[in-house]
N, C-alpha and C. Protein backbone atom coordinates (compact mmCIF):
# COMPACT_ATOMS: atom_id res chain seq x y z
N MET A 1 12.45 11.29 0.96
CA MET A 1 13.09 10.85 -0.10
C MET A 1 12.37 9.36 -0.21
N ILE A 2 11.70 8.75 -1.31
CA ILE A 2 11.72 7.62 -1.33
C ILE A 2 12.85 6.68 -1.83
N PRO A 3 13.23 5.58 -1.36
CA PRO A 3 14.50 4.74 -2.18
C PRO A 3 14.15 3.79 -3.59
N LYS A 4 15.72 4.48 -4.59
CA LYS A 4 14.93 4.19 -5.48
C LYS A 4 14.26 2.50 -5.67
N PHE A 5 15.02 2.10 -4.73
CA PHE A 5 14.37 0.06 -4.73
C PHE A 5 13.02 0.63 -4.96
N VAL A 6 11.90 1.35 -4.32
CA VAL A 6 10.98 1.87 -3.79
C VAL A 6 10.43 1.98 -5.48
N GLN A 7 10.60 3.18 -6.03
CA GLN A 7 10.43 3.79 -6.73
C GLN A 7 9.94 2.69 -8.11
N PRO A 8 10.14 1.95 -8.75
CA PRO A 8 9.17 1.21 -9.69
C PRO A 8 7.51 0.77 -9.24
N PHE A 9 8.16 0.74 -7.72
CA PHE A 9 6.51 0.10 -7.86
C PHE A 9 5.18 1.38 -8.00
N LEU A 10 6.34 3.03 -8.18
CA LEU A 10 5.35 3.89 -8.13
C LEU A 10 5.50 4.68 -9.47
N TRP A 11 5.11 3.35 -9.53
CA TRP A 11 6.26 3.97 -11.58
C TRP A 11 5.36 4.64 -12.22
N SER A 12 3.67 4.97 -11.65
CA SER A 12 2.88 5.72 -12.10
C SER A 12 2.77 7.37 -11.74
N TYR A 13 4.23 7.33 -11.06
CA TYR A 13 3.68 8.91 -10.30
C TYR A 13 4.70 9.73 -9.68
N ASP A 14 5.02 10.49 -9.79
CA ASP A 14 6.32 11.75 -10.62
C ASP A 14 6.41 11.19 -8.71
N VAL A 15 8.11 10.63 -8.15
CA VAL A 15 7.72 10.04 -7.13
C VAL A 15 8.54 11.98 -5.91
N ASP A 16 9.64 12.03 -7.36
CA ASP A 16 9.62 13.98 -6.60
C ASP A 16 9.03 14.19 -6.05
N ALA A 17 7.21 14.17 -6.75
CA ALA A 17 6.54 15.17 -5.09
C ALA A 17 5.73 14.32 -4.60
N LEU A 18 5.82 13.14 -4.98
CA LEU A 18 5.07 12.20 -4.05
C LEU A 18 5.73 12.39 -2.05
N ASP A 19 5.42 12.76 -0.63
CA ASP A 19 5.67 13.05 -0.36
C ASP A 19 5.21 11.45 0.83
N ILE A 20 6.23 11.58 1.89
CA ILE A 20 5.61 9.94 2.25
C ILE A 20 4.40 10.23 3.47
N SER A 21 4.54 11.12 4.22
CA SER A 21 3.03 12.15 4.53
C SER A 21 2.44 12.02 4.84
N ARG A 22 2.33 12.62 3.56
CA ARG A 22 0.99 12.74 2.89
C ARG A 22 0.40 12.13 1.62
N ASP A 23 1.08 11.41 1.18
CA ASP A 23 0.85 10.95 0.21
C ASP A 23 0.73 8.99 0.31
N LYS A 24 1.17 8.56 2.00
CA LYS A 24 1.34 7.31 2.55
C LYS A 24 0.23 5.97 2.27
N ARG A 25 -1.31 6.54 2.24
CA ARG A 25 -2.07 5.87 1.49
C ARG A 25 -1.84 5.38 0.42
N ARG A 26 -1.29 5.88 -0.65
CA ARG A 26 -1.01 5.53 -1.80
C ARG A 26 -0.07 4.79 -2.37
N ILE A 27 1.08 5.13 -1.03
CA ILE A 27 2.54 4.35 -1.23
C ILE A 27 2.55 3.10 -0.65
N ILE A 28 1.73 3.27 0.34
CA ILE A 28 1.14 1.82 1.70
C ILE A 28 0.70 0.43 0.46
N THR A 29 -1.08 1.31 -0.35
CA THR A 29 -1.11 0.38 -1.53
C THR A 29 -0.36 0.25 -2.12
N ASN A 30 0.79 0.98 -2.85
CA ASN A 30 1.83 0.40 -4.40
C ASN A 30 2.42 -0.49 -4.20
N VAL A 31 3.60 -0.12 -2.56
CA VAL A 31 3.74 -1.26 -2.17
C VAL A 31 3.29 -2.40 -1.15
N LEU A 32 2.33 -2.35 -1.34
CA LEU A 32 2.04 -3.84 -0.90
C LEU A 32 1.42 -4.25 -2.00
N ASN A 33 0.46 -4.13 -3.18
CA ASN A 33 0.50 -4.48 -4.01
C ASN A 33 1.22 -4.49 -5.07
N LEU A 34 2.75 -4.51 -5.05
CA LEU A 34 3.49 -4.55 -6.65
C LEU A 34 5.12 -4.81 -5.73
N GLY A 35 4.91 -4.39 -4.94
CA GLY A 35 6.19 -4.28 -3.67
C GLY A 35 7.43 -5.78 -3.43
N THR A 36 8.36 -5.45 -3.73
CA THR A 36 9.59 -6.95 -3.36
C THR A 36 9.33 -6.93 -1.84
N SER A 37 9.79 -7.53 -1.57
CA SER A 37 10.20 -8.01 -0.26
C SER A 37 11.17 -6.95 0.87
N GLU A 38 12.27 -6.47 -0.19
CA GLU A 38 12.93 -5.82 0.17
C GLU A 38 11.70 -3.93 0.81
N ALA A 39 11.17 -3.53 -0.49
CA ALA A 39 10.12 -2.53 -0.53
C ALA A 39 9.66 -2.78 0.82
N THR A 40 8.89 -4.54 1.31
CA THR A 40 8.17 -4.79 2.09
C THR A 40 8.18 -3.84 3.49
N ASP A 41 9.57 -4.27 3.53
CA ASP A 41 10.26 -4.03 4.48
C ASP A 41 10.84 -2.95 5.10
N TRP A 42 11.45 -1.83 3.47
CA TRP A 42 11.19 -0.58 3.85
C TRP A 42 9.80 -0.16 4.73
N LEU A 43 8.37 -0.49 3.72
CA LEU A 43 7.04 -0.15 4.32
C LEU A 43 7.53 0.01 5.64
N PHE A 44 7.28 -1.23 6.36
CA PHE A 44 7.34 -1.36 8.08
C PHE A 44 8.50 -1.21 8.86
N ASP A 45 9.09 -0.30 8.10
CA ASP A 45 10.32 0.81 8.73
C ASP A 45 9.74 2.08 8.71
N THR A 46 9.52 1.92 8.09
CA THR A 46 8.78 3.70 7.59
C THR A 46 7.67 4.02 8.21
N TYR A 47 6.17 3.29 8.17
CA TYR A 47 5.05 3.52 8.39
C TYR A 47 4.79 2.56 9.50
N THR A 48 4.09 3.73 10.65
CA THR A 48 3.04 2.36 12.06
C THR A 48 1.98 1.11 11.58
N ASN A 49 2.43 -0.13 11.84
CA ASN A 49 1.46 -0.63 11.94
C ASN A 49 -0.26 0.18 11.59
N GLU A 50 -0.56 0.50 12.62
CA GLU A 50 -1.52 1.32 12.10
C GLU A 50 -1.74 2.02 11.29
N ASP A 51 -1.15 2.65 10.34
CA ASP A 51 -1.16 3.20 8.91
C ASP A 51 -1.36 1.58 7.82
N ILE A 52 -0.60 1.03 7.94
CA ILE A 52 -0.38 -0.23 7.43
C ILE A 52 -2.18 -0.26 7.05
N LYS A 53 -2.55 -0.99 8.70
CA LYS A 53 -3.71 -1.81 8.99
C LYS A 53 -4.63 -0.60 8.31
N ASN A 54 -5.31 0.41 8.10
CA ASN A 54 -6.04 1.79 8.19
C ASN A 54 -6.11 1.76 6.47
N CYS A 55 -4.68 1.25 5.58
CA CYS A 55 -5.14 1.27 4.01
C CYS A 55 -6.10 -0.10 4.17
N LEU A 56 -5.21 -1.38 5.08
CA LEU A 56 -6.43 -1.80 4.06
C LEU A 56 -7.44 -2.54 4.94
N VAL A 57 -8.41 -1.56 5.93
CA VAL A 57 -9.35 -1.19 6.77
C VAL A 57 -10.33 -0.58 5.68
N ASN A 58 -9.73 0.71 4.96
CA ASN A 58 -10.66 2.00 4.06
C ASN A 58 -9.98 1.52 3.11
N PRO A 59 -9.56 1.19 2.00
CA PRO A 59 -8.61 0.46 1.02
C PRO A 59 -9.12 2.25 0.19
N LEU A 60 -8.45 2.07 -0.66
CA LEU A 60 -8.44 2.87 -1.84
C LEU A 60 -9.00 1.98 -3.10
N PRO A 61 -10.25 2.15 -3.31
CA PRO A 61 -11.20 1.89 -4.58
C PRO A 61 -11.06 1.90 -5.88
N GLY A 62 -10.42 0.35 -5.71
CA GLY A 62 -10.42 -0.10 -7.84
C GLY A 62 -8.76 -0.42 -7.84
N GLU A 63 -8.00 0.26 -6.16
CA GLU A 63 -6.70 -0.18 -6.60
C GLU A 63 -5.51 -1.23 -6.42
N TRP A 64 -6.57 -2.02 -5.14
CA TRP A 64 -5.80 -2.98 -4.80
C TRP A 64 -6.38 -4.29 -5.71
N ASN A 65 -4.96 -5.26 -5.66
CA ASN A 65 -5.58 -7.16 -6.77
C ASN A 65 -5.92 -8.14 -5.04
N ASN A 66 -7.02 -8.47 -5.82
CA ASN A 66 -7.88 -9.19 -4.94
C ASN A 66 -7.10 -9.80 -4.05
N LYS A 67 -5.66 -11.31 -4.30
CA LYS A 67 -4.88 -11.44 -3.87
C LYS A 67 -4.39 -10.96 -3.19
N SER A 68 -3.39 -9.65 -3.47
CA SER A 68 -2.77 -8.88 -2.38
C SER A 68 -3.60 -8.44 -0.73
N MET A 69 -5.20 -7.79 -0.87
CA MET A 69 -6.04 -7.41 -0.37
C MET A 69 -5.84 -8.63 0.20
N THR A 70 -6.58 -9.54 0.41
CA THR A 70 -7.09 -10.94 0.99
C THR A 70 -5.42 -11.93 1.70
N PHE A 71 -4.29 -10.97 1.48
CA PHE A 71 -2.75 -11.69 2.20
C PHE A 71 -3.10 -10.70 3.08
N TRP A 72 -2.51 -9.78 3.16
CA TRP A 72 -2.06 -8.94 3.82
C TRP A 72 -3.61 -8.18 5.07
N SER A 73 -4.41 -8.22 4.41
CA SER A 73 -5.71 -8.40 5.73
C SER A 73 -5.67 -9.98 6.61
N LEU A 74 -5.06 -11.07 5.63
CA LEU A 74 -5.57 -11.59 7.03
C LEU A 74 -4.23 -11.66 7.82
N LEU A 75 -2.70 -11.70 7.51
CA LEU A 75 -1.28 -11.09 7.93
C LEU A 75 -1.69 -10.16 9.04
N PHE A 76 -2.48 -8.88 8.95
CA PHE A 76 -2.98 -7.37 9.58
C PHE A 76 -3.98 -8.59 10.06
N ASP A 77 -4.38 -9.39 10.71
CA ASP A 77 -6.00 -9.41 11.28
C ASP A 77 -7.03 -8.60 10.93
N VAL A 78 -6.73 -7.72 10.06
CA VAL A 78 -8.63 -6.57 9.78
C VAL A 78 -9.43 -7.34 8.45
N ARG A 79 -10.61 -6.29 8.39
CA ARG A 79 -11.44 -7.14 7.45
C ARG A 79 -11.42 -5.60 6.73
N PRO A 80 -11.62 -5.30 5.25
CA PRO A 80 -11.85 -4.15 4.57
C PRO A 80 -13.12 -3.36 4.27
N CYS A 81 -13.62 -2.55 4.73
CA CYS A 81 -14.94 -2.06 4.90
C CYS A 81 -15.42 -2.16 3.71
N GLU A 82 -16.61 -2.41 3.22
CA GLU A 82 -17.03 -3.45 1.57
C GLU A 82 -16.99 -2.19 0.73
N SER A 83 -17.87 -1.51 1.72
CA SER A 83 -18.73 -0.51 0.51
C SER A 83 -17.26 -0.11 0.07
N ASN A 84 -15.97 -0.28 0.25
CA ASN A 84 -15.23 0.82 -0.28
C ASN A 84 -14.17 -0.52 -1.36
N VAL A 85 -15.01 -1.56 -1.24
CA VAL A 85 -13.82 -2.56 -1.65
C VAL A 85 -13.80 -2.86 -3.14
N ARG A 86 -13.00 -1.83 -4.66
CA ARG A 86 -13.60 -2.53 -5.80
C ARG A 86 -12.21 -3.01 -6.37
N PHE A 87 -11.60 -4.54 -6.87
CA PHE A 87 -10.50 -4.60 -7.20
C PHE A 87 -10.19 -4.73 -8.76
N LEU A 88 -8.86 -4.53 -8.73
CA LEU A 88 -8.12 -4.90 -10.07
C LEU A 88 -8.98 -5.69 -10.55
N LYS A 89 -8.80 -5.54 -12.40
CA LYS A 89 -9.37 -7.03 -12.82
C LYS A 89 -8.28 -7.42 -13.80
């Protein structure tokens, strides 16, 4: 179950249909791009560092904004795969 305070960052999805395990790339991407500190705290409690790093190294194409990707990549000390990186405009 996705908490109410995380749901606004998944506004374009039916949150009742999202599965925390199956849809983790989508959830991680949206929360890191748009989330509050409360939402990111939940994210870090819910997913492993490896799950998060995987979303940064292999980003969903066209889903990240440049500033968010740069910030989180520096924080987790990873580099996104160049072939997958297309930022939102």
